[in-house]
Amino acid sequence: MKDAPVCLITGASGGLASGISRRLSKDGYRLVLMSRSGCAELAEELGQIGFAGSVMDDRDIANAVSFGVKRFGRIDCAVF
C-alpha cells in the first residue's frame, strides 16, 4: 500500500467525515484523521492515524499536514 493515496480528513470523529473516512479506508487510502479528540477509536478501527487538532486553528492544520507528509511522504487530497 506504499503507493496508495493519502488523504487528510478533518472533523473525522463524527457524521459525514467518519463515513467518508470509512469509505476511503475501504478503497485503500492511507488516512490522517483529525479531530479535536484525535479520532483514536476511528483510527484504531480503520488501522489509520489519528491526529488531535481543530480545523479552526491554522497551526493545527499545518501540523496535521506535516505529520502526514512525514509519515507517508505526501498528502494527495483533503476533506475539510
PDB file of N, CA and C in Angstrom:
ATOM      1  N   MET A   1       0.815  -1.202   0.000  1.00  0.00           N
ATOM      2  CA  MET A   1       0.000   0.000   0.000  1.00  0.00           C
ATOM      3  C   MET A   1       0.856   1.262   0.000  1.00  0.00           C
ATOM      4  N   LYS A   2       2.141   1.123  -0.194  1.00  0.00           N
ATOM      5  CA  LYS A   2       3.013   2.286  -0.149  1.00  0.00           C
ATOM      6  C   LYS A   2       2.640   3.332  -1.190  1.00  0.00           C
ATOM      7  N   ASP A   3       2.109   2.914  -2.315  1.00  0.00           N
ATOM      8  CA  ASP A   3       1.731   3.854  -3.362  1.00  0.00           C
ATOM      9  C   ASP A   3       0.286   4.320  -3.247  1.00  0.00           C
ATOM     10  N   ALA A   4      -0.423   3.853  -2.226  1.00  0.00           N
ATOM     11  CA  ALA A   4      -1.821   4.249  -2.045  1.00  0.00           C
ATOM     12  C   ALA A   4      -1.906   5.744  -1.757  1.00  0.00           C
ATOM     13  N   PRO A   5      -2.945   6.399  -2.247  1.00  0.00           N
ATOM     14  CA  PRO A   5      -3.098   7.824  -1.989  1.00  0.00           C
ATOM     15  C   PRO A   5      -3.300   8.105  -0.506  1.00  0.00           C
ATOM     16  N   VAL A   6      -2.933   9.317  -0.115  1.00  0.00           N
ATOM     17  CA  VAL A   6      -3.018   9.758   1.273  1.00  0.00           C
ATOM     18  C   VAL A   6      -3.999  10.916   1.362  1.00  0.00           C
ATOM     19  N   CYS A   7      -4.916  10.832   2.314  1.00  0.00           N
ATOM     20  CA  CYS A   7      -5.917  11.880   2.480  1.00  0.00           C
ATOM     21  C   CYS A   7      -5.952  12.358   3.931  1.00  0.00           C
ATOM     22  N   LEU A   8      -5.989  13.658   4.119  1.00  0.00           N
ATOM     23  CA  LEU A   8      -6.208  14.291   5.421  1.00  0.00           C
ATOM     24  C   LEU A   8      -7.697  14.578   5.532  1.00  0.00           C
ATOM     25  N   ILE A   9      -8.317  14.091   6.610  1.00  0.00           N
ATOM     26  CA  ILE A   9      -9.741  14.315   6.832  1.00  0.00           C
ATOM     27  C   ILE A   9      -9.927  15.005   8.167  1.00  0.00           C
ATOM     28  N   THR A  10     -10.500  16.200   8.155  1.00  0.00           N
ATOM     29  CA  THR A  10     -10.750  16.924   9.390  1.00  0.00           C
ATOM     30  C   THR A  10     -12.166  16.640   9.877  1.00  0.00           C
ATOM     31  N   GLY A  11     -12.368  16.814  11.172  1.00  0.00           N
ATOM     32  CA  GLY A  11     -13.675  16.542  11.757  1.00  0.00           C
ATOM     33  C   GLY A  11     -14.063  15.089  11.618  1.00  0.00           C
ATOM     34  N   ALA A  12     -13.066  14.213  11.586  1.00  0.00           N
ATOM     35  CA  ALA A  12     -13.279  12.814  11.231  1.00  0.00           C
ATOM     36  C   ALA A  12     -13.995  11.996  12.297  1.00  0.00           C
ATOM     37  N   SER A  13     -14.167  12.534  13.481  1.00  0.00           N
ATOM     38  CA  SER A  13     -14.744  11.720  14.551  1.00  0.00           C
ATOM     39  C   SER A  13     -16.256  11.577  14.475  1.00  0.00           C
ATOM     40  N   GLY A  14     -16.911  12.324  13.616  1.00  0.00           N
ATOM     41  CA  GLY A  14     -18.359  12.197  13.597  1.00  0.00           C
ATOM     42  C   GLY A  14     -18.982  12.496  12.249  1.00  0.00           C
ATOM     43  N   GLY A  15     -20.228  12.101  12.139  1.00  0.00           N
ATOM     44  CA  GLY A  15     -21.056  12.445  10.994  1.00  0.00           C
ATOM     45  C   GLY A  15     -20.516  12.038   9.652  1.00  0.00           C
ATOM     46  N   LEU A  16     -20.656  12.940   8.713  1.00  0.00           N
ATOM     47  CA  LEU A  16     -20.282  12.695   7.325  1.00  0.00           C
ATOM     48  C   LEU A  16     -18.798  12.340   7.180  1.00  0.00           C
ATOM     49  N   ALA A  17     -17.939  13.041   7.912  1.00  0.00           N
ATOM     50  CA  ALA A  17     -16.499  12.802   7.773  1.00  0.00           C
ATOM     51  C   ALA A  17     -16.101  11.401   8.222  1.00  0.00           C
ATOM     52  N   SER A  18     -16.769  10.850   9.229  1.00  0.00           N
ATOM     53  CA  SER A  18     -16.433   9.477   9.639  1.00  0.00           C
ATOM     54  C   SER A  18     -16.861   8.484   8.565  1.00  0.00           C
ATOM     55  N   GLY A  19     -17.977   8.745   7.907  1.00  0.00           N
ATOM     56  CA  GLY A  19     -18.406   7.898   6.795  1.00  0.00           C
ATOM     57  C   GLY A  19     -17.447   7.976   5.627  1.00  0.00           C
ATOM     58  N   ILE A  20     -16.987   9.167   5.316  1.00  0.00           N
ATOM     59  CA  ILE A  20     -16.005   9.342   4.248  1.00  0.00           C
ATOM     60  C   ILE A  20     -14.717   8.612   4.612  1.00  0.00           C
ATOM     61  N   SER A  21     -14.319   8.708   5.875  1.00  0.00           N
ATOM     62  CA  SER A  21     -13.110   8.023   6.341  1.00  0.00           C
ATOM     63  C   SER A  21     -13.220   6.522   6.143  1.00  0.00           C
ATOM     64  N   ARG A  22     -14.354   5.964   6.525  1.00  0.00           N
ATOM     65  CA  ARG A  22     -14.558   4.526   6.369  1.00  0.00           C
ATOM     66  C   ARG A  22     -14.504   4.116   4.884  1.00  0.00           C
ATOM     67  N   ARG A  23     -15.134   4.903   4.046  1.00  0.00           N
ATOM     68  CA  ARG A  23     -15.155   4.583   2.618  1.00  0.00           C
ATOM     69  C   ARG A  23     -13.762   4.670   1.994  1.00  0.00           C
ATOM     70  N   LEU A  24     -13.050   5.763   2.272  1.00  0.00           N
ATOM     71  CA  LEU A  24     -11.718   5.913   1.686  1.00  0.00           C
ATOM     72  C   LEU A  24     -10.764   4.840   2.198  1.00  0.00           C
ATOM     73  N   SER A  25     -10.887   4.498   3.474  1.00  0.00           N
ATOM     74  CA  SER A  25     -10.052   3.421   4.019  1.00  0.00           C
ATOM     75  C   SER A  25     -10.351   2.109   3.303  1.00  0.00           C
ATOM     76  N   LYS A  26     -11.622   1.815   3.104  1.00  0.00           N
ATOM     77  CA  LYS A  26     -12.035   0.604   2.382  1.00  0.00           C
ATOM     78  C   LYS A  26     -11.498   0.601   0.953  1.00  0.00           C
ATOM     79  N   ASP A  27     -11.409   1.800   0.357  1.00  0.00           N
ATOM     80  CA  ASP A  27     -10.904   1.924  -1.012  1.00  0.00           C
ATOM     81  C   ASP A  27      -9.376   1.939  -1.085  1.00  0.00           C
ATOM     82  N   GLY A  28      -8.708   1.776   0.068  1.00  0.00           N
ATOM     83  CA  GLY A  28      -7.258   1.642   0.067  1.00  0.00           C
ATOM     84  C   GLY A  28      -6.470   2.904   0.357  1.00  0.00           C
ATOM     85  N   TYR A  29      -7.132   3.992   0.702  1.00  0.00           N
ATOM     86  CA  TYR A  29      -6.415   5.218   1.044  1.00  0.00           C
ATOM     87  C   TYR A  29      -5.708   5.065   2.385  1.00  0.00           C
ATOM     88  N   ARG A  30      -4.591   5.752   2.519  1.00  0.00           N
ATOM     89  CA  ARG A  30      -3.947   5.929   3.819  1.00  0.00           C
ATOM     90  C   ARG A  30      -4.465   7.262   4.345  1.00  0.00           C
ATOM     91  N   LEU A  31      -4.880   7.292   5.613  1.00  0.00           N
ATOM     92  CA  LEU A  31      -5.577   8.463   6.136  1.00  0.00           C
ATOM     93  C   LEU A  31      -4.888   9.078   7.343  1.00  0.00           C
ATOM     94  N   VAL A  32      -4.932  10.400   7.384  1.00  0.00           N
ATOM     95  CA  VAL A  32      -4.623  11.167   8.588  1.00  0.00           C
ATOM     96  C   VAL A  32      -5.965  11.741   9.025  1.00  0.00           C
ATOM     97  N   LEU A  33      -6.499  11.218  10.120  1.00  0.00           N
ATOM     98  CA  LEU A  33      -7.806  11.620  10.615  1.00  0.00           C
ATOM     99  C   LEU A  33      -7.616  12.655  11.712  1.00  0.00           C
ATOM    100  N   MET A  34      -8.193  13.824  11.532  1.00  0.00           N
ATOM    101  CA  MET A  34      -8.021  14.896  12.502  1.00  0.00           C
ATOM    102  C   MET A  34      -9.360  15.289  13.112  1.00  0.00           C
ATOM    103  N   SER A  35      -9.356  15.427  14.427  1.00  0.00           N
ATOM    104  CA  SER A  35     -10.494  15.995  15.155  1.00  0.00           C
ATOM    105  C   SER A  35      -9.960  16.519  16.482  1.00  0.00           C
ATOM    106  N   ARG A  36     -10.785  17.258  17.176  1.00  0.00           N
ATOM    107  CA  ARG A  36     -10.347  17.778  18.472  1.00  0.00           C
ATOM    108  C   ARG A  36     -10.011  16.650  19.434  1.00  0.00           C
ATOM    109  N   SER A  37     -10.696  15.513  19.304  1.00  0.00           N
ATOM    110  CA  SER A  37     -10.457  14.372  20.194  1.00  0.00           C
ATOM    111  C   SER A  37      -9.305  13.487  19.721  1.00  0.00           C
ATOM    112  N   GLY A  38      -8.883  13.654  18.493  1.00  0.00           N
ATOM    113  CA  GLY A  38      -7.810  12.836  17.944  1.00  0.00           C
ATOM    114  C   GLY A  38      -8.279  11.580  17.236  1.00  0.00           C
ATOM    115  N   CYS A  39      -9.574  11.317  17.231  1.00  0.00           N
ATOM    116  CA  CYS A  39     -10.161  10.196  16.483  1.00  0.00           C
ATOM    117  C   CYS A  39      -9.556   8.848  16.842  1.00  0.00           C
ATOM    118  N   ALA A  40      -9.138   8.656  18.079  1.00  0.00           N
ATOM    119  CA  ALA A  40      -8.436   7.424  18.456  1.00  0.00           C
ATOM    120  C   ALA A  40      -9.243   6.170  18.126  1.00  0.00           C
ATOM    121  N   GLU A  41     -10.526   6.150  18.445  1.00  0.00           N
ATOM    122  CA  GLU A  41     -11.334   4.959  18.198  1.00  0.00           C
ATOM    123  C   GLU A  41     -11.479   4.673  16.707  1.00  0.00           C
ATOM    124  N   LEU A  42     -11.792   5.704  15.930  1.00  0.00           N
ATOM    125  CA  LEU A  42     -11.955   5.519  14.487  1.00  0.00           C
ATOM    126  C   LEU A  42     -10.629   5.134  13.842  1.00  0.00           C
ATOM    127  N   ALA A  43      -9.555   5.800  14.239  1.00  0.00           N
ATOM    128  CA  ALA A  43      -8.239   5.490  13.679  1.00  0.00           C
ATOM    129  C   ALA A  43      -7.874   4.033  13.961  1.00  0.00           C
ATOM    130  N   GLU A  44      -8.133   3.563  15.185  1.00  0.00           N
ATOM    131  CA  GLU A  44      -7.837   2.171  15.528  1.00  0.00           C
ATOM    132  C   GLU A  44      -8.718   1.209  14.732  1.00  0.00           C
ATOM    133  N   GLU A  45     -10.009   1.529  14.645  1.00  0.00           N
ATOM    134  CA  GLU A  45     -10.947   0.689  13.887  1.00  0.00           C
ATOM    135  C   GLU A  45     -10.493   0.501  12.447  1.00  0.00           C
ATOM    136  N   LEU A  46     -10.014   1.573  11.842  1.00  0.00           N
ATOM    137  CA  LEU A  46      -9.651   1.547  10.424  1.00  0.00           C
ATOM    138  C   LEU A  46      -8.178   1.221  10.177  1.00  0.00           C
ATOM    139  N   GLY A  47      -7.383   1.167  11.246  1.00  0.00           N
ATOM    140  CA  GLY A  47      -5.950   0.945  11.071  1.00  0.00           C
ATOM    141  C   GLY A  47      -5.266   2.149  10.458  1.00  0.00           C
ATOM    142  N   GLN A  48      -5.760   3.328  10.800  1.00  0.00           N
ATOM    143  CA  GLN A  48      -5.235   4.577  10.252  1.00  0.00           C
ATOM    144  C   GLN A  48      -4.627   5.418  11.370  1.00  0.00           C
ATOM    145  N   ILE A  49      -4.286   6.657  11.080  1.00  0.00           N
ATOM    146  CA  ILE A  49      -3.631   7.533  12.040  1.00  0.00           C
ATOM    147  C   ILE A  49      -4.581   8.633  12.483  1.00  0.00           C
ATOM    148  N   GLY A  50      -4.676   8.850  13.791  1.00  0.00           N
ATOM    149  CA  GLY A  50      -5.470   9.938  14.336  1.00  0.00           C
ATOM    150  C   GLY A  50      -4.573  11.078  14.785  1.00  0.00           C
ATOM    151  N   PHE A  51      -5.056  12.288  14.637  1.00  0.00           N
ATOM    152  CA  PHE A  51      -4.298  13.483  14.998  1.00  0.00           C
ATOM    153  C   PHE A  51      -5.246  14.447  15.697  1.00  0.00           C
ATOM    154  N   ALA A  52      -4.867  14.910  16.886  1.00  0.00           N
ATOM    155  CA  ALA A  52      -5.711  15.846  17.635  1.00  0.00           C
ATOM    156  C   ALA A  52      -5.463  17.267  17.150  1.00  0.00           C
ATOM    157  N   GLY A  53      -6.537  17.952  16.796  1.00  0.00           N
ATOM    158  CA  GLY A  53      -6.421  19.336  16.360  1.00  0.00           C
ATOM    159  C   GLY A  53      -7.761  19.891  15.926  1.00  0.00           C
ATOM    160  N   SER A  54      -7.792  21.186  15.751  1.00  0.00           N
ATOM    161  CA  SER A  54      -9.015  21.883  15.354  1.00  0.00           C
ATOM    162  C   SER A  54      -8.849  22.501  13.972  1.00  0.00           C
ATOM    163  N   VAL A  55      -9.862  22.357  13.162  1.00  0.00           N
ATOM    164  CA  VAL A  55      -9.862  22.965  11.835  1.00  0.00           C
ATOM    165  C   VAL A  55      -9.877  24.496  11.939  1.00  0.00           C
ATOM    166  N   MET A  56     -10.234  25.010  13.092  1.00  0.00           N
ATOM    167  CA  MET A  56     -10.271  26.457  13.302  1.00  0.00           C
ATOM    168  C   MET A  56      -8.894  27.040  13.617  1.00  0.00           C
ATOM    169  N   ASP A  57      -7.907  26.188  13.805  1.00  0.00           N
ATOM    170  CA  ASP A  57      -6.558  26.631  14.154  1.00  0.00           C
ATOM    171  C   ASP A  57      -5.605  26.305  13.000  1.00  0.00           C
ATOM    172  N   ASP A  58      -5.119  27.345  12.334  1.00  0.00           N
ATOM    173  CA  ASP A  58      -4.218  27.152  11.187  1.00  0.00           C
ATOM    174  C   ASP A  58      -2.981  26.337  11.557  1.00  0.00           C
ATOM    175  N   ARG A  59      -2.493  26.502  12.774  1.00  0.00           N
ATOM    176  CA  ARG A  59      -1.310  25.735  13.203  1.00  0.00           C
ATOM    177  C   ARG A  59      -1.622  24.245  13.291  1.00  0.00           C
ATOM    178  N   ASP A  60      -2.816  23.919  13.776  1.00  0.00           N
ATOM    179  CA  ASP A  60      -3.196  22.505  13.853  1.00  0.00           C
ATOM    180  C   ASP A  60      -3.268  21.881  12.467  1.00  0.00           C
ATOM    181  N   ILE A  61      -3.821  22.614  11.525  1.00  0.00           N
ATOM    182  CA  ILE A  61      -3.903  22.102  10.154  1.00  0.00           C
ATOM    183  C   ILE A  61      -2.501  21.922   9.577  1.00  0.00           C
ATOM    184  N   ALA A  62      -1.650  22.914   9.761  1.00  0.00           N
ATOM    185  CA  ALA A  62      -0.271  22.813   9.266  1.00  0.00           C
ATOM    186  C   ALA A  62       0.453  21.637   9.919  1.00  0.00           C
ATOM    187  N   ASN A  63       0.233  21.434  11.205  1.00  0.00           N
ATOM    188  CA  ASN A  63       0.862  20.316  11.907  1.00  0.00           C
ATOM    189  C   ASN A  63       0.345  18.976  11.398  1.00  0.00           C
ATOM    190  N   ALA A  64      -0.946  18.887  11.117  1.00  0.00           N
ATOM    191  CA  ALA A  64      -1.512  17.646  10.592  1.00  0.00           C
ATOM    192  C   ALA A  64      -0.940  17.332   9.212  1.00  0.00           C
ATOM    193  N   VAL A  65      -0.811  18.342   8.372  1.00  0.00           N
ATOM    194  CA  VAL A  65      -0.215  18.151   7.049  1.00  0.00           C
ATOM    195  C   VAL A  65       1.235  17.701   7.195  1.00  0.00           C
ATOM    196  N   SER A  66       1.997  18.368   8.049  1.00  0.00           N
ATOM    197  CA  SER A  66       3.400  17.993   8.270  1.00  0.00           C
ATOM    198  C   SER A  66       3.509  16.571   8.794  1.00  0.00           C
ATOM    199  N   PHE A  67       2.624  16.216   9.720  1.00  0.00           N
ATOM    200  CA  PHE A  67       2.591  14.870  10.281  1.00  0.00           C
ATOM    201  C   PHE A  67       2.351  13.833   9.182  1.00  0.00           C
ATOM    202  N   GLY A  68       1.369  14.106   8.324  1.00  0.00           N
ATOM    203  CA  GLY A  68       1.063  13.190   7.219  1.00  0.00           C
ATOM    204  C   GLY A  68       2.207  13.063   6.239  1.00  0.00           C
ATOM    205  N   VAL A  69       2.836  14.176   5.908  1.00  0.00           N
ATOM    206  CA  VAL A  69       3.965  14.156   4.967  1.00  0.00           C
ATOM    207  C   VAL A  69       5.140  13.390   5.570  1.00  0.00           C
ATOM    208  N   LYS A  70       5.405  13.600   6.858  1.00  0.00           N
ATOM    209  CA  LYS A  70       6.500  12.857   7.499  1.00  0.00           C
ATOM    210  C   LYS A  70       6.200  11.368   7.542  1.00  0.00           C
ATOM    211  N   ARG A  71       4.962  11.014   7.809  1.00  0.00           N
ATOM    212  CA  ARG A  71       4.587   9.600   7.941  1.00  0.00           C
ATOM    213  C   ARG A  71       4.478   8.898   6.589  1.00  0.00           C
ATOM    214  N   PHE A  72       3.860   9.562   5.609  1.00  0.00           N
ATOM    215  CA  PHE A  72       3.550   8.910   4.344  1.00  0.00           C
ATOM    216  C   PHE A  72       4.330   9.475   3.153  1.00  0.00           C
ATOM    217  N   GLY A  73       4.990  10.603   3.328  1.00  0.00           N
ATOM    218  CA  GLY A  73       5.752  11.193   2.227  1.00  0.00           C
ATOM    219  C   GLY A  73       4.977  12.172   1.386  1.00  0.00           C
ATOM    220  N   ARG A  74       3.676  12.264   1.628  1.00  0.00           N
ATOM    221  CA  ARG A  74       2.852  13.184   0.826  1.00  0.00           C
ATOM    222  C   ARG A  74       1.436  13.233   1.387  1.00  0.00           C
ATOM    223  N   ILE A  75       0.688  14.211   0.915  1.00  0.00           N
ATOM    224  CA  ILE A  75      -0.767  14.299   1.098  1.00  0.00           C
ATOM    225  C   ILE A  75      -1.335  14.514  -0.307  1.00  0.00           C
ATOM    226  N   ASP A  76      -2.224  13.644  -0.741  1.00  0.00           N
ATOM    227  CA  ASP A  76      -2.786  13.739  -2.078  1.00  0.00           C
ATOM    228  C   ASP A  76      -4.094  14.510  -2.126  1.00  0.00           C
ATOM    229  N   CYS A  77      -4.854  14.466  -1.040  1.00  0.00           N
ATOM    230  CA  CYS A  77      -6.139  15.159  -1.014  1.00  0.00           C
ATOM    231  C   CYS A  77      -6.526  15.450   0.426  1.00  0.00           C
ATOM    232  N   ALA A  78      -7.529  16.300   0.569  1.00  0.00           N
ATOM    233  CA  ALA A  78      -8.007  16.642   1.906  1.00  0.00           C
ATOM    234  C   ALA A  78      -9.514  16.806   1.867  1.00  0.00           C
ATOM    235  N   VAL A  79     -10.151  16.438   2.972  1.00  0.00           N
ATOM    236  CA  VAL A  79     -11.579  16.634   3.160  1.00  0.00           C
ATOM    237  C   VAL A  79     -11.742  17.506   4.392  1.00  0.00           C
ATOM    238  N   PHE A  80     -12.258  18.725   4.190  1.00  0.00           N
ATOM    239  CA  PHE A  80     -12.450  19.671   5.297  1.00  0.00           C
ATOM    240  C   PHE A  80     -13.911  19.861   5.567  1.00  0.00           C
TER     241      PHE A  80
END
